[in-house]
Amino acid sequence: ALNWDIGPGREKPMQTILPMLTEDEERVFNIISEAGKITADPIAERSGMPVSAIATVLLNLELNGLIRSLPGRTYATR
């Protein structure tokens, strides 16, 4: 991510980040948010997207600081 300094104790408000997401990124983010912790296969099943596309979306969400990768190829929101 860009790691811009936005001042001490201030975080990027979620409502300003979410509109910048693609439709697929928003769909996957919402699935992860609802599940708490989830792996790529159930995300693919729930979204109707192929696992190969999910991998790209997960990487973008992680680079944007919206999700984190956990052990066991599991993902969760930050």
Protein backbone atom coordinates (compact mmCIF):
# COMPACT_ATOMS: atom_id res chain seq x y z
CA ALA A 1 0.00 0.00 0.00
CA LEU A 2 1.03 3.61 -0.20
CA ASN A 3 1.45 4.09 3.59
CA TRP A 4 0.61 7.78 3.45
CA ASP A 5 0.92 9.50 6.80
CA ILE A 6 -2.54 10.82 7.67
CA GLY A 7 -1.62 12.03 11.12
CA PRO A 8 -1.27 10.36 14.50
CA GLY A 9 -4.23 8.35 15.71
CA ARG A 10 -6.17 8.77 12.49
CA GLU A 11 -7.21 5.90 10.29
CA LYS A 12 -8.71 5.94 6.82
CA PRO A 13 -12.50 5.90 7.20
CA MET A 14 -13.94 2.71 5.71
CA GLN A 15 -16.65 4.56 3.77
CA THR A 16 -14.00 6.43 1.77
CA ILE A 17 -12.13 3.23 0.93
CA LEU A 18 -15.05 0.99 -0.07
CA PRO A 19 -16.27 3.16 -2.99
CA MET A 20 -12.82 2.77 -4.58
CA LEU A 21 -13.27 -1.00 -4.79
CA THR A 22 -14.31 -2.84 -7.91
CA GLU A 23 -17.58 -4.75 -7.84
CA ASP A 24 -15.68 -8.05 -7.39
CA GLU A 25 -13.50 -6.62 -4.61
CA GLU A 26 -16.54 -5.31 -2.76
CA ARG A 27 -18.34 -8.66 -3.15
CA VAL A 28 -15.34 -10.58 -1.76
CA PHE A 29 -14.77 -8.05 1.03
CA ASN A 30 -18.40 -8.39 2.14
CA ILE A 31 -18.16 -12.19 2.13
CA ILE A 32 -15.03 -12.05 4.31
CA SER A 33 -16.65 -9.49 6.63
CA GLU A 34 -19.72 -11.68 7.13
CA ALA A 35 -17.69 -14.86 7.66
CA GLY A 36 -15.09 -13.45 10.03
CA LYS A 37 -12.40 -15.87 8.82
CA ILE A 38 -12.62 -17.75 5.53
CA THR A 39 -10.49 -19.50 2.90
CA ALA A 40 -10.52 -18.90 -0.86
CA ASP A 41 -12.65 -21.93 -1.82
CA PRO A 42 -15.75 -20.88 0.15
CA ILE A 43 -15.28 -17.32 -1.11
CA ALA A 44 -15.34 -18.67 -4.67
CA GLU A 45 -18.47 -20.71 -3.94
CA ARG A 46 -20.34 -17.80 -2.37
CA SER A 47 -19.27 -15.25 -4.97
CA GLY A 48 -19.63 -17.43 -8.05
CA MET A 49 -16.15 -16.37 -9.14
CA PRO A 50 -13.33 -18.74 -10.13
CA VAL A 51 -10.59 -19.30 -7.54
CA SER A 52 -8.03 -17.76 -9.93
CA ALA A 53 -9.99 -14.49 -9.93
CA ILE A 54 -10.42 -14.68 -6.16
CA ALA A 55 -6.63 -14.83 -5.72
CA THR A 56 -6.20 -11.53 -7.57
CA VAL A 57 -9.00 -9.86 -5.62
CA LEU A 58 -7.59 -11.11 -2.29
CA LEU A 59 -4.16 -9.71 -3.16
CA ASN A 60 -5.64 -6.31 -4.04
CA LEU A 61 -7.68 -6.20 -0.83
CA GLU A 62 -4.62 -7.16 1.21
CA LEU A 63 -2.44 -4.54 -0.50
CA ASN A 64 -5.12 -1.93 0.26
CA GLY A 65 -5.01 -2.90 3.93
CA LEU A 66 -8.62 -4.09 4.07
CA ILE A 67 -7.96 -7.76 4.81
CA ARG A 68 -5.13 -9.80 6.29
CA SER A 69 -3.80 -13.20 5.44
CA LEU A 70 -3.79 -15.69 8.30
CA PRO A 71 -2.15 -19.11 8.64
CA GLY A 72 -3.84 -21.87 6.67
CA ARG A 73 -4.55 -19.65 3.65
CA THR A 74 -7.33 -18.02 5.63
CA TYR A 75 -8.39 -14.38 5.28
CA ALA A 76 -10.04 -11.93 7.68
CA THR A 77 -10.88 -8.24 7.66
CA ARG A 78 -8.58 -5.87 9.53
